Amino acid sequence: MFQLFGQQVTVFEIVGFVAGIAGVWLTIKESIWNFPIGLINVTASLLLFYRSQLYSDTFQQAVYIVLLSYGWYHWSRGTKKKNDLSVSTSSVKLLMILLALAVTGSVAGGFLLGRYTNASYSYWDATGTSLSLIAQWMIARKKIENWILWMVVNMLYIGIYYFKHLNLYMVLYAIFLLMAVRGYYSWKKHLVKT
């Protein structure tokens, strides 16, 4: 640990902070490089969250490794019609399925973490994890609604990290919130209606 702006921070926080911003910026730009940079971010974050007893966030980072790998593969393949994967909207049916998954994941995850671990903020943490995993899957499929979901997630995590005294990550998620707004408007320019 060392001091940064009067706060104790770890190397994991610094690496996660820098790679996180770079990864989201590359996602906004629709660059496939967001995936390898994202893998650096989630590895550092996984270690940080485990040490902070945010087990749902730790699990989330582990699943991100799979989702980032899936997204990297999917973006490199494109679609059957062309080599590029286009930004599109989600159907109402898909959004209802994702909502059901989010509620189920939040309630089940919060219950399990609260009952069987010493997790901090178990239901809030599980909700953030459920929504984040869905948003990350939506990025892999280039669904524009991912950015709206990230806005909600980022506001939730700003609060969690404030109470856990992870100040650098609190600032990171405030930046992510602004980047999610930017990402939405950037992707909207390339939107293909489905």
C-alpha atoms as a PDB file:
ATOM      1  CA  MET A   1       0.000   0.000   0.000  1.00  0.00           C
ATOM      2  CA  PHE A   2       1.023   3.575  -0.531  1.00  0.00           C
ATOM      3  CA  GLN A   3      -0.423   7.061  -0.238  1.00  0.00           C
ATOM      4  CA  LEU A   4      -2.163   8.806  -3.116  1.00  0.00           C
ATOM      5  CA  PHE A   5      -3.861  12.146  -2.442  1.00  0.00           C
ATOM      6  CA  GLY A   6      -3.763  11.369   1.276  1.00  0.00           C
ATOM      7  CA  GLN A   7      -5.463   7.971   0.887  1.00  0.00           C
ATOM      8  CA  GLN A   8      -4.064   4.455   1.193  1.00  0.00           C
ATOM      9  CA  VAL A   9      -4.234   2.662  -2.173  1.00  0.00           C
ATOM     10  CA  THR A  10      -2.956  -0.658  -3.449  1.00  0.00           C
ATOM     11  CA  VAL A  11      -1.228  -1.524  -6.693  1.00  0.00           C
ATOM     12  CA  PHE A  12      -4.392  -3.453  -7.620  1.00  0.00           C
ATOM     13  CA  GLU A  13      -6.421  -0.246  -7.331  1.00  0.00           C
ATOM     14  CA  ILE A  14      -4.017   1.710  -9.554  1.00  0.00           C
ATOM     15  CA  VAL A  15      -3.832  -1.003 -12.227  1.00  0.00           C
ATOM     16  CA  GLY A  16      -7.607  -1.528 -12.107  1.00  0.00           C
ATOM     17  CA  PHE A  17      -8.210   2.215 -12.311  1.00  0.00           C
ATOM     18  CA  VAL A  18      -5.996   2.794 -15.356  1.00  0.00           C
ATOM     19  CA  ALA A  19      -7.018  -0.366 -17.225  1.00  0.00           C
ATOM     20  CA  GLY A  20     -10.679   0.267 -16.373  1.00  0.00           C
ATOM     21  CA  ILE A  21     -10.718   3.715 -17.932  1.00  0.00           C
ATOM     22  CA  ALA A  22      -8.767   2.526 -20.969  1.00  0.00           C
ATOM     23  CA  GLY A  23     -11.064  -0.473 -21.427  1.00  0.00           C
ATOM     24  CA  VAL A  24     -14.276   1.574 -21.280  1.00  0.00           C
ATOM     25  CA  TRP A  25     -12.829   4.212 -23.612  1.00  0.00           C
ATOM     26  CA  LEU A  26     -11.945   1.466 -26.113  1.00  0.00           C
ATOM     27  CA  THR A  27     -15.468   0.035 -25.770  1.00  0.00           C
ATOM     28  CA  ILE A  28     -16.968   3.444 -26.545  1.00  0.00           C
ATOM     29  CA  LYS A  29     -14.768   3.541 -29.649  1.00  0.00           C
ATOM     30  CA  GLU A  30     -15.968   0.017 -30.548  1.00  0.00           C
ATOM     31  CA  SER A  31     -12.358  -1.196 -30.523  1.00  0.00           C
ATOM     32  CA  ILE A  32     -11.772  -4.914 -30.075  1.00  0.00           C
ATOM     33  CA  TRP A  33      -8.798  -3.957 -27.862  1.00  0.00           C
ATOM     34  CA  ASN A  34     -11.287  -3.251 -25.057  1.00  0.00           C
ATOM     35  CA  PHE A  35     -11.278  -6.990 -24.346  1.00  0.00           C
ATOM     36  CA  PRO A  36      -7.568  -7.619 -23.552  1.00  0.00           C
ATOM     37  CA  ILE A  37      -7.368  -4.338 -21.603  1.00  0.00           C
ATOM     38  CA  GLY A  38     -10.559  -5.352 -19.803  1.00  0.00           C
ATOM     39  CA  LEU A  39      -8.920  -8.635 -18.796  1.00  0.00           C
ATOM     40  CA  ILE A  40      -6.126  -6.690 -17.070  1.00  0.00           C
ATOM     41  CA  ASN A  41      -8.730  -4.568 -15.280  1.00  0.00           C
ATOM     42  CA  VAL A  42     -10.799  -7.502 -14.032  1.00  0.00           C
ATOM     43  CA  THR A  43      -7.778  -9.445 -12.801  1.00  0.00           C
ATOM     44  CA  ALA A  44      -6.609  -6.506 -10.673  1.00  0.00           C
ATOM     45  CA  SER A  45     -10.169  -5.840  -9.501  1.00  0.00           C
ATOM     46  CA  LEU A  46     -10.731  -9.498  -8.578  1.00  0.00           C
ATOM     47  CA  LEU A  47      -7.757  -9.400  -6.220  1.00  0.00           C
ATOM     48  CA  LEU A  48      -8.790  -6.040  -4.733  1.00  0.00           C
ATOM     49  CA  PHE A  49     -12.410  -7.057  -4.106  1.00  0.00           C
ATOM     50  CA  TYR A  50     -11.449 -10.364  -2.544  1.00  0.00           C
ATOM     51  CA  ARG A  51      -9.213  -8.540  -0.073  1.00  0.00           C
ATOM     52  CA  SER A  52     -12.099  -6.104   0.651  1.00  0.00           C
ATOM     53  CA  GLN A  53     -14.600  -8.920   1.371  1.00  0.00           C
ATOM     54  CA  LEU A  54     -16.767  -7.967  -1.596  1.00  0.00           C
ATOM     55  CA  TYR A  55     -17.262 -11.574  -2.643  1.00  0.00           C
ATOM     56  CA  SER A  56     -20.024 -10.948  -5.125  1.00  0.00           C
ATOM     57  CA  ASP A  57     -17.756  -8.438  -6.877  1.00  0.00           C
ATOM     58  CA  THR A  58     -14.945 -11.010  -6.745  1.00  0.00           C
ATOM     59  CA  PHE A  59     -17.190 -13.591  -8.415  1.00  0.00           C
ATOM     60  CA  GLN A  60     -18.280 -10.937 -10.904  1.00  0.00           C
ATOM     61  CA  GLN A  61     -14.679 -10.314 -11.961  1.00  0.00           C
ATOM     62  CA  ALA A  62     -14.122 -14.057 -12.453  1.00  0.00           C
ATOM     63  CA  VAL A  63     -17.203 -14.261 -14.686  1.00  0.00           C
ATOM     64  CA  TYR A  64     -15.992 -11.153 -16.555  1.00  0.00           C
ATOM     65  CA  ILE A  65     -12.967 -13.168 -17.629  1.00  0.00           C
ATOM     66  CA  VAL A  66     -15.353 -15.553 -19.394  1.00  0.00           C
ATOM     67  CA  LEU A  67     -17.577 -12.747 -20.762  1.00  0.00           C
ATOM     68  CA  LEU A  68     -14.636 -10.710 -22.021  1.00  0.00           C
ATOM     69  CA  SER A  69     -13.259 -13.779 -23.762  1.00  0.00           C
ATOM     70  CA  TYR A  70     -16.706 -14.435 -25.277  1.00  0.00           C
ATOM     71  CA  GLY A  71     -17.012 -10.811 -26.401  1.00  0.00           C
ATOM     72  CA  TRP A  72     -13.534 -10.834 -27.898  1.00  0.00           C
ATOM     73  CA  TYR A  73     -14.435 -13.952 -29.889  1.00  0.00           C
ATOM     74  CA  HIS A  74     -17.859 -12.613 -30.893  1.00  0.00           C
ATOM     75  CA  TRP A  75     -16.567  -9.206 -32.012  1.00  0.00           C
ATOM     76  CA  SER A  76     -13.765 -10.799 -34.006  1.00  0.00           C
ATOM     77  CA  ARG A  77     -16.244 -13.068 -35.794  1.00  0.00           C
ATOM     78  CA  GLY A  78     -18.845 -10.420 -36.678  1.00  0.00           C
ATOM     79  CA  THR A  79     -22.196 -11.656 -37.947  1.00  0.00           C
ATOM     80  CA  LYS A  80     -23.123 -14.179 -40.611  1.00  0.00           C
ATOM     81  CA  LYS A  81     -23.989 -11.357 -43.018  1.00  0.00           C
ATOM     82  CA  LYS A  82     -20.793  -9.335 -42.635  1.00  0.00           C
ATOM     83  CA  ASN A  83     -17.535  -9.177 -40.762  1.00  0.00           C
ATOM     84  CA  ASP A  84     -18.586  -6.316 -38.497  1.00  0.00           C
ATOM     85  CA  LEU A  85     -20.971  -6.718 -35.572  1.00  0.00           C
ATOM     86  CA  SER A  86     -23.391  -3.763 -35.583  1.00  0.00           C
ATOM     87  CA  VAL A  87     -24.815  -1.841 -32.638  1.00  0.00           C
ATOM     88  CA  SER A  88     -28.475  -2.829 -32.194  1.00  0.00           C
ATOM     89  CA  THR A  89     -31.367  -2.598 -29.745  1.00  0.00           C
ATOM     90  CA  SER A  90     -32.747  -5.425 -27.638  1.00  0.00           C
ATOM     91  CA  SER A  91     -36.217  -6.832 -28.134  1.00  0.00           C
ATOM     92  CA  VAL A  92     -38.796  -6.407 -25.377  1.00  0.00           C
ATOM     93  CA  LYS A  93     -38.726 -10.178 -24.890  1.00  0.00           C
ATOM     94  CA  LEU A  94     -34.947 -10.142 -24.354  1.00  0.00           C
ATOM     95  CA  LEU A  95     -35.207  -7.213 -21.935  1.00  0.00           C
ATOM     96  CA  MET A  96     -37.870  -9.057 -19.891  1.00  0.00           C
ATOM     97  CA  ILE A  97     -35.679 -12.171 -19.733  1.00  0.00           C
ATOM     98  CA  LEU A  98     -32.694 -10.082 -18.621  1.00  0.00           C
ATOM     99  CA  LEU A  99     -34.832  -8.310 -15.992  1.00  0.00           C
ATOM    100  CA  ALA A 100     -35.943 -11.675 -14.582  1.00  0.00           C
ATOM    101  CA  LEU A 101     -32.320 -12.834 -14.466  1.00  0.00           C
ATOM    102  CA  ALA A 102     -31.271  -9.612 -12.719  1.00  0.00           C
ATOM    103  CA  VAL A 103     -33.945  -9.920 -10.014  1.00  0.00           C
ATOM    104  CA  THR A 104     -33.245 -13.617  -9.484  1.00  0.00           C
ATOM    105  CA  GLY A 105     -29.487 -13.083  -9.329  1.00  0.00           C
ATOM    106  CA  SER A 106     -29.823 -10.148  -6.934  1.00  0.00           C
ATOM    107  CA  VAL A 107     -32.125 -11.914  -4.485  1.00  0.00           C
ATOM    108  CA  ALA A 108     -30.409 -15.314  -4.598  1.00  0.00           C
ATOM    109  CA  GLY A 109     -26.910 -13.839  -4.524  1.00  0.00           C
ATOM    110  CA  GLY A 110     -27.742 -11.453  -1.687  1.00  0.00           C
ATOM    111  CA  PHE A 111     -29.306 -14.248   0.359  1.00  0.00           C
ATOM    112  CA  LEU A 112     -26.396 -16.650  -0.161  1.00  0.00           C
ATOM    113  CA  LEU A 113     -23.739 -14.043   0.536  1.00  0.00           C
ATOM    114  CA  GLY A 114     -25.566 -12.762   3.611  1.00  0.00           C
ATOM    115  CA  ARG A 115     -26.130 -16.218   5.015  1.00  0.00           C
ATOM    116  CA  TYR A 116     -22.888 -18.013   4.218  1.00  0.00           C
ATOM    117  CA  THR A 117     -20.149 -15.366   4.108  1.00  0.00           C
ATOM    118  CA  ASN A 118     -18.963 -12.274   5.923  1.00  0.00           C
ATOM    119  CA  ALA A 119     -19.693 -10.222   2.783  1.00  0.00           C
ATOM    120  CA  SER A 120     -20.256  -6.507   3.058  1.00  0.00           C
ATOM    121  CA  TYR A 121     -23.557  -5.127   1.705  1.00  0.00           C
ATOM    122  CA  SER A 122     -24.562  -8.536   0.388  1.00  0.00           C
ATOM    123  CA  TYR A 123     -27.807  -7.554  -1.416  1.00  0.00           C
ATOM    124  CA  TRP A 124     -26.421  -4.341  -2.878  1.00  0.00           C
ATOM    125  CA  ASP A 125     -23.285  -6.151  -3.967  1.00  0.00           C
ATOM    126  CA  ALA A 126     -25.278  -9.008  -5.528  1.00  0.00           C
ATOM    127  CA  THR A 127     -27.503  -6.518  -7.367  1.00  0.00           C
ATOM    128  CA  GLY A 128     -24.472  -4.707  -8.768  1.00  0.00           C
ATOM    129  CA  THR A 129     -22.995  -8.012  -9.836  1.00  0.00           C
ATOM    130  CA  SER A 130     -26.186  -9.252 -11.519  1.00  0.00           C
ATOM    131  CA  LEU A 131     -26.673  -6.014 -13.436  1.00  0.00           C
ATOM    132  CA  SER A 132     -22.991  -5.785 -14.377  1.00  0.00           C
ATOM    133  CA  LEU A 133     -22.882  -9.288 -15.795  1.00  0.00           C
ATOM    134  CA  ILE A 134     -25.951  -8.601 -17.894  1.00  0.00           C
ATOM    135  CA  ALA A 135     -24.485  -5.297 -19.112  1.00  0.00           C
ATOM    136  CA  GLN A 136     -21.201  -7.012 -20.010  1.00  0.00           C
ATOM    137  CA  TRP A 137     -23.063  -9.702 -21.959  1.00  0.00           C
ATOM    138  CA  MET A 138     -24.943  -6.924 -23.776  1.00  0.00           C
ATOM    139  CA  ILE A 139     -21.605  -5.341 -24.752  1.00  0.00           C
ATOM    140  CA  ALA A 140     -20.496  -8.661 -26.229  1.00  0.00           C
ATOM    141  CA  ARG A 141     -23.670  -8.592 -28.368  1.00  0.00           C
ATOM    142  CA  LYS A 142     -23.336  -4.813 -29.041  1.00  0.00           C
ATOM    143  CA  LYS A 143     -26.745  -3.993 -27.537  1.00  0.00           C
ATOM    144  CA  ILE A 144     -27.044  -0.245 -26.918  1.00  0.00           C
ATOM    145  CA  GLU A 145     -29.026  -0.699 -23.694  1.00  0.00           C
ATOM    146  CA  ASN A 146     -25.826  -1.872 -22.022  1.00  0.00           C
ATOM    147  CA  TRP A 147     -24.883   1.778 -21.488  1.00  0.00           C
ATOM    148  CA  ILE A 148     -28.132   2.581 -19.663  1.00  0.00           C
ATOM    149  CA  LEU A 149     -27.594  -0.410 -17.421  1.00  0.00           C
ATOM    150  CA  TRP A 150     -23.997   0.679 -16.769  1.00  0.00           C
ATOM    151  CA  MET A 151     -25.255   4.097 -15.666  1.00  0.00           C
ATOM    152  CA  VAL A 152     -27.396   2.426 -12.988  1.00  0.00           C
ATOM    153  CA  VAL A 153     -24.592   0.057 -11.974  1.00  0.00           C
ATOM    154  CA  ASN A 154     -22.043   2.851 -11.695  1.00  0.00           C
ATOM    155  CA  MET A 155     -24.288   4.897  -9.386  1.00  0.00           C
ATOM    156  CA  LEU A 156     -24.807   1.828  -7.190  1.00  0.00           C
ATOM    157  CA  TYR A 157     -21.077   1.104  -6.973  1.00  0.00           C
ATOM    158  CA  ILE A 158     -20.184   4.703  -6.186  1.00  0.00           C
ATOM    159  CA  GLY A 159     -22.219   4.259  -3.011  1.00  0.00           C
ATOM    160  CA  ILE A 160     -20.799   0.838  -2.131  1.00  0.00           C
ATOM    161  CA  TYR A 161     -17.194   1.957  -2.626  1.00  0.00           C
ATOM    162  CA  TYR A 162     -17.816   5.107  -0.607  1.00  0.00           C
ATOM    163  CA  PHE A 163     -18.900   3.026   2.375  1.00  0.00           C
ATOM    164  CA  LYS A 164     -16.036   0.531   1.890  1.00  0.00           C
ATOM    165  CA  HIS A 165     -13.522   3.418   1.743  1.00  0.00           C
ATOM    166  CA  LEU A 166     -12.312   2.367  -1.707  1.00  0.00           C
ATOM    167  CA  ASN A 167     -11.975   5.993  -2.676  1.00  0.00           C
ATOM    168  CA  LEU A 168     -10.017   5.524  -5.875  1.00  0.00           C
ATOM    169  CA  TYR A 169     -12.605   3.042  -7.143  1.00  0.00           C
ATOM    170  CA  MET A 170     -15.379   5.435  -6.104  1.00  0.00           C
ATOM    171  CA  VAL A 171     -13.773   8.063  -8.364  1.00  0.00           C
ATOM    172  CA  LEU A 172     -13.283   5.413 -11.065  1.00  0.00           C
ATOM    173  CA  TYR A 173     -16.991   4.568 -11.065  1.00  0.00           C
ATOM    174  CA  ALA A 174     -17.907   8.253 -11.191  1.00  0.00           C
ATOM    175  CA  ILE A 175     -15.732   8.459 -14.315  1.00  0.00           C
ATOM    176  CA  PHE A 176     -17.366   5.271 -15.602  1.00  0.00           C
ATOM    177  CA  LEU A 177     -20.767   6.913 -15.109  1.00  0.00           C
ATOM    178  CA  LEU A 178     -19.766   9.843 -17.311  1.00  0.00           C
ATOM    179  CA  MET A 179     -18.209   7.467 -19.830  1.00  0.00           C
ATOM    180  CA  ALA A 180     -21.421   5.396 -19.947  1.00  0.00           C
ATOM    181  CA  VAL A 181     -23.378   8.517 -20.920  1.00  0.00           C
ATOM    182  CA  ARG A 182     -20.776   9.239 -23.599  1.00  0.00           C
ATOM    183  CA  GLY A 183     -20.836   5.602 -24.739  1.00  0.00           C
ATOM    184  CA  TYR A 184     -24.598   5.643 -25.154  1.00  0.00           C
ATOM    185  CA  TYR A 185     -24.557   8.694 -27.424  1.00  0.00           C
ATOM    186  CA  SER A 186     -21.533   7.438 -29.349  1.00  0.00           C
ATOM    187  CA  TRP A 187     -23.100   4.029 -30.019  1.00  0.00           C
ATOM    188  CA  LYS A 188     -26.445   5.628 -30.845  1.00  0.00           C
ATOM    189  CA  LYS A 189     -24.835   7.161 -33.945  1.00  0.00           C
ATOM    190  CA  HIS A 190     -24.085   3.631 -35.224  1.00  0.00           C
ATOM    191  CA  LEU A 191     -27.371   2.046 -34.145  1.00  0.00           C
ATOM    192  CA  VAL A 192     -28.965  -0.468 -36.506  1.00  0.00           C
ATOM    193  CA  LYS A 193     -32.671  -0.949 -35.681  1.00  0.00           C
ATOM    194  CA  THR A 194     -33.653  -4.596 -35.241  1.00  0.00           C
END
